[in-house]
Protein backbone atom coordinates (compact mmCIF):
# COMPACT_ATOMS: atom_id res chain seq x y z
CA MET A 1 90.53 80.21 96.31
CA GLN A 2 91.12 81.47 92.84
CA LYS A 3 94.25 80.30 91.32
CA VAL A 4 94.45 82.52 88.18
CA LYS A 5 94.52 86.36 88.48
CA ILE A 6 93.55 88.34 85.38
CA SER A 7 94.06 91.97 85.28
CA PHE A 8 94.39 94.50 82.48
CA THR A 9 96.51 97.63 81.19
CA HIS A 10 97.56 99.86 79.02
CA ASN A 11 93.50 100.89 78.15
CA SER A 12 92.70 97.25 78.66
CA SER A 13 94.79 96.43 75.47
CA VAL A 14 97.13 94.26 77.50
CA ALA A 15 95.53 91.49 79.70
CA ARG A 16 98.19 89.98 82.68
CA ILE A 17 97.53 86.57 83.85
CA VAL A 18 98.97 85.36 87.08
CA LEU A 19 99.23 81.99 87.98
CA ASP A 20 98.70 81.68 91.61
CA ASP A 21 98.56 78.42 93.36
CA GLY A 22 100.50 79.77 96.63
CA LYS A 23 103.39 77.24 96.08
CA GLY A 24 104.61 76.28 92.78
CA ASN A 25 101.73 77.40 90.49
CA VAL A 26 100.86 73.79 89.65
CA LEU A 27 98.68 73.82 86.46
CA ASP A 28 95.73 71.62 88.03
CA GLN A 29 92.41 70.93 86.82
CA GLN A 30 91.42 74.26 88.83
CA MET A 31 93.99 76.52 87.24
CA MET A 32 93.35 75.29 83.80
CA ASN A 33 89.59 75.48 83.95
CA GLU A 34 89.96 79.02 85.31
CA LEU A 35 92.52 79.74 82.19
CA GLN A 36 90.14 78.03 79.88
CA GLU A 37 87.28 80.49 81.48
CA ALA A 38 89.48 83.63 81.09
CA PHE A 39 90.28 82.75 77.36
CA VAL A 40 86.74 82.32 76.32
CA ASN A 41 86.08 85.77 77.85
CA PHE A 42 88.76 87.25 75.73
CA ARG A 43 87.11 86.16 72.64
CA GLU A 44 84.36 89.08 73.55
CA ASN A 45 87.37 91.71 73.85
CA LYS A 46 88.20 93.20 70.13
CA ASN A 47 90.82 95.45 71.69
CA LEU A 48 93.18 93.12 73.05
CA LYS A 49 96.29 93.19 71.87
CA LEU A 50 98.84 91.25 73.97
CA ILE A 51 98.30 88.41 76.56
CA ILE A 52 100.93 88.47 79.35
CA PHE A 53 101.62 85.00 81.39
CA GLU A 54 103.48 85.24 84.53
CA GLY A 55 103.86 83.11 87.75
CA GLU A 56 103.30 84.66 91.53
CA GLY A 57 106.31 84.64 93.45
CA LYS A 58 109.96 83.18 92.36
CA HIS A 59 108.60 80.58 90.07
CA PHE A 60 106.50 80.61 86.95
CA SER A 61 105.40 77.16 87.08
CA PHE A 62 106.42 73.41 88.36
CA GLY A 63 104.10 71.91 85.53
CA ALA A 64 100.95 70.38 85.68
CA SER A 65 99.60 68.17 88.93
CA VAL A 66 101.85 64.92 88.98
CA GLU A 67 99.12 63.72 91.13
CA GLU A 68 96.39 64.11 87.77
CA HIS A 69 98.88 62.24 85.57
CA LYS A 70 97.93 58.87 87.32
CA LYS A 71 96.09 56.64 84.92
CA GLU A 72 92.90 57.29 86.43
CA TYR A 73 92.97 60.86 85.62
CA ALA A 74 95.26 61.47 82.59
CA ALA A 75 92.70 61.24 80.18
CA ASP A 76 90.76 64.13 81.90
CA MET A 77 93.78 66.09 82.59
CA LEU A 78 95.40 66.08 78.93
CA ARG A 79 91.98 66.85 77.63
CA SER A 80 91.70 69.79 80.17
CA PHE A 81 95.29 70.99 79.28
CA HIS A 82 95.29 70.34 75.39
CA LYS A 83 91.96 72.54 75.01
CA LEU A 84 94.29 75.27 76.33
CA PHE A 85 96.19 75.38 73.26
CA TYR A 86 93.47 74.97 70.95
CA SER A 87 91.82 77.93 72.43
CA LEU A 88 95.13 80.24 72.06
CA ILE A 89 95.47 79.16 68.26
CA GLU A 90 91.64 80.33 67.94
CA LEU A 91 92.08 83.69 69.80
CA SER A 92 95.52 84.40 67.74
CA ILE A 93 96.22 87.31 70.22
CA PRO A 94 99.90 87.70 70.51
CA THR A 95 101.11 86.15 73.89
CA LEU A 96 104.22 86.92 75.99
CA ALA A 97 105.47 84.64 79.03
CA LYS A 98 107.34 86.32 81.59
CA LEU A 99 109.79 83.71 83.33
CA SER A 100 111.60 83.51 86.28
CA GLY A 101 112.58 81.06 88.68
CA GLN A 102 111.64 77.12 87.63
CA CYS A 103 109.36 77.02 84.25
CA LEU A 104 108.82 72.77 84.00
CA GLY A 105 106.76 70.37 82.15
CA GLY A 106 103.49 71.55 81.43
CA GLY A 107 104.74 75.24 82.60
CA MET A 108 107.39 75.13 80.02
CA GLU A 109 104.87 73.87 77.37
CA LEU A 110 102.39 76.96 78.25
CA ALA A 111 105.43 79.23 77.76
CA LEU A 112 106.35 77.65 74.61
CA MET A 113 102.95 78.31 73.14
CA CYS A 114 103.47 82.18 73.37
CA ASN A 115 104.65 83.86 70.77
CA PHE A 116 107.32 85.59 72.95
CA ILE A 117 109.27 84.52 76.01
CA PHE A 118 111.18 87.11 78.26
CA ALA A 119 112.97 86.14 81.21
CA ASP A 120 115.25 87.17 83.84
CA LYS A 121 118.68 85.31 84.91
CA THR A 122 117.02 82.87 87.39
CA LEU A 123 115.16 80.92 84.69
CA LYS A 124 115.38 77.19 84.75
CA LEU A 125 113.54 75.58 81.85
CA GLY A 126 112.98 71.96 81.83
CA GLN A 127 110.64 68.58 80.01
CA PRO A 128 111.28 66.66 82.81
CA GLU A 129 108.52 64.17 81.93
CA ILE A 130 110.79 61.23 80.74
CA ILE A 131 111.99 61.13 84.26
CA LEU A 132 108.71 60.28 85.51
CA GLY A 133 108.45 57.66 82.87
CA VAL A 134 106.04 59.67 80.48
CA PHE A 135 106.25 62.15 77.78
CA PRO A 136 104.60 65.75 76.76
CA PRO A 137 102.73 65.85 73.83
CA PRO A 138 102.34 69.79 73.22
CA ALA A 139 106.44 69.97 73.68
CA SER A 140 106.80 67.05 71.38
CA ILE A 141 105.59 69.08 68.51
CA ILE A 142 106.20 72.74 69.47
CA LEU A 143 109.95 72.47 70.55
CA PRO A 144 111.10 71.06 66.95
CA GLU A 145 109.00 73.83 65.46
CA LYS A 146 110.85 76.41 67.49
CA ILE A 147 114.28 75.18 68.11
CA GLY A 148 114.91 72.60 65.58
CA LEU A 149 114.63 68.62 65.99
CA ALA A 150 118.21 67.93 67.17
CA ARG A 151 118.17 70.62 70.11
CA SER A 152 114.55 69.77 71.01
CA GLU A 153 115.39 65.89 71.29
CA GLU A 154 117.93 66.60 73.59
CA LEU A 155 115.89 68.19 75.75
CA LEU A 156 112.99 65.67 75.86
CA ILE A 157 114.54 62.58 75.68
CA THR A 158 116.93 63.37 78.48
CA GLY A 159 114.82 65.74 80.45
CA LYS A 160 117.74 68.22 81.37
CA THR A 161 117.13 71.67 82.55
CA ILE A 162 118.78 74.45 80.78
CA SER A 163 119.41 77.94 82.26
CA ALA A 164 117.99 81.32 80.56
CA MET A 165 121.09 82.22 78.76
CA GLU A 166 121.26 78.22 77.14
CA ALA A 167 117.41 78.78 76.05
CA LYS A 168 118.45 82.56 74.62
CA GLU A 169 121.19 80.47 72.79
CA THR A 170 118.73 77.91 71.09
CA GLY A 171 115.97 80.73 70.19
CA LEU A 172 113.61 79.98 72.70
CA VAL A 173 114.21 83.05 74.53
CA ASN A 174 113.92 86.56 73.20
CA GLU A 175 115.01 88.88 76.14
CA ILE A 176 117.12 87.99 79.22
CA PHE A 177 117.03 90.72 82.14
CA GLU A 178 119.02 90.80 85.03
CA ASN A 179 116.08 90.22 87.88
CA LYS A 180 112.54 90.57 87.91
CA GLU A 181 112.08 94.23 88.69
CA GLU A 182 114.07 94.68 85.30
CA LEU A 183 111.97 92.22 83.62
CA GLU A 184 109.22 93.86 84.02
CA LEU A 185 110.23 97.15 82.92
CA GLY A 186 111.59 95.38 79.72
CA ILE A 187 108.04 94.14 79.19
CA ILE A 188 106.45 97.19 79.67
CA LYS A 189 109.09 99.32 77.61
CA TRP A 190 108.83 96.49 74.58
CA THR A 191 104.87 96.42 74.81
CA GLU A 192 104.60 100.49 74.09
CA GLN A 193 106.89 100.39 71.20
CA ASN A 194 106.08 96.68 69.40
CA ILE A 195 102.62 96.19 70.52
CA LEU A 196 100.24 99.25 71.56
CA PRO A 197 100.90 101.46 68.12
CA LYS A 198 99.14 98.58 66.11
CA SER A 199 95.87 97.41 65.19
CA ALA A 200 94.25 94.49 67.23
CA SER A 201 92.64 93.00 64.76
CA SER A 202 95.58 93.08 62.17
CA LEU A 203 97.93 91.52 65.13
CA ARG A 204 95.41 88.39 65.33
CA PHE A 205 95.70 88.05 61.17
CA THR A 206 99.52 88.33 61.29
CA VAL A 207 99.84 85.66 64.12
CA LYS A 208 97.36 83.28 62.21
CA ALA A 209 99.53 83.92 59.07
CA ALA A 210 102.96 83.64 60.91
CA ARG A 211 101.67 80.41 62.68
CA GLN A 212 99.91 78.81 59.88
CA LYS A 213 101.82 75.72 59.59
CA PHE A 214 102.64 75.56 63.50
CA ASN A 215 99.08 75.62 64.13
CA GLN A 216 98.58 73.30 61.47
CA ASN A 217 100.61 70.61 63.02
CA LEU A 218 99.31 71.34 66.70
CA LEU A 219 95.92 70.63 65.44
CA ASN A 220 96.60 67.40 63.68
CA LEU A 221 99.30 65.66 65.85
CA LEU A 222 98.17 66.51 69.33
CA PRO A 223 94.78 64.59 69.26
CA GLN A 224 97.51 61.75 67.94
CA LEU A 225 99.91 61.89 70.89
CA GLU A 226 97.47 62.57 73.61
CA ASN A 227 95.78 59.32 72.17
CA ILE A 228 98.67 57.45 72.40
CA TYR A 229 99.77 58.70 75.72
CA VAL A 230 96.17 57.49 77.11
CA THR A 231 95.71 54.25 75.13
CA GLN A 232 99.29 53.17 75.13
CA LEU A 233 101.71 55.10 77.47
CA MET A 234 99.64 54.66 80.51
CA GLU A 235 98.59 50.98 79.47
CA THR A 236 102.40 50.33 80.54
CA HIS A 237 103.56 49.45 83.87
CA ASP A 238 106.81 52.15 83.93
CA ALA A 239 104.56 54.94 82.71
CA ASN A 240 102.59 54.39 86.01
CA GLU A 241 105.53 53.50 88.19
CA GLY A 242 107.17 56.69 87.10
CA ILE A 243 104.18 58.59 88.12
CA ASN A 244 103.29 56.67 91.42
CA SER A 245 107.14 56.36 92.69
CA PHE A 246 107.51 60.73 92.12
CA ILE A 247 104.32 60.90 94.61
CA GLU A 248 105.55 58.38 97.24
CA LYS A 249 109.00 60.23 96.95
CA ARG A 250 110.98 56.88 96.25
CA LYS A 251 113.13 55.97 93.51
CA PRO A 252 111.25 54.02 90.68
CA VAL A 253 111.70 50.55 90.00
CA TRP A 254 111.31 49.96 85.96
CA GLU A 255 110.48 46.96 84.53
CA ASN A 256 111.13 48.28 80.70
CA ASN A 257 107.54 47.65 79.93
């Protein structure tokens, strides 16, 4: 079963990517591979002016697969996940996340990578990795870039979930709509007014220019955090206990090391 659905609108200048695994749109290895394949194909499309990410059903994404966070899979999972971010940097095509329901963990990180975030009032955003005894490498870099250190630390260190309105107040979300239908209409109208009249090649140069510092930070720091995660964090008892206790549906027993 394909977990990523791709369609094109507006004379193939807008790509719609729908995450769909029939459940919570979990970013597992298969879904990440399919996303990567799509990004590779997008390189050949010089007419693309916008990529829109959305989730099938009520939720955008519950995040990356917790099962694939286990020590024996973590290195491969992070490598595949982070490759998506590097590919989006390389493409430099404007991106927009269309968010409803839960957008958590790796799902939130994918949304954070987008240039624009539009949501409806059902949205719940969060980086709950700390609750599992781990941390989110991309969000640790991207969140401070987007909303400042103090607000980022609150989300990253507590693992709290925030509403669409709270996300709008921090500057994470650009626009909020009443429901998913109005959200879709709002995105279409916004795209037709703000993206379609512009040159696809000029948009890419502008994304590169606007994100010069952002991209440099991500390219320099993400490999470092990936290394810390794999070689240090996953060597601790508590990181493994957090992941395993979640999978086994029990409370973690921390040893604080």
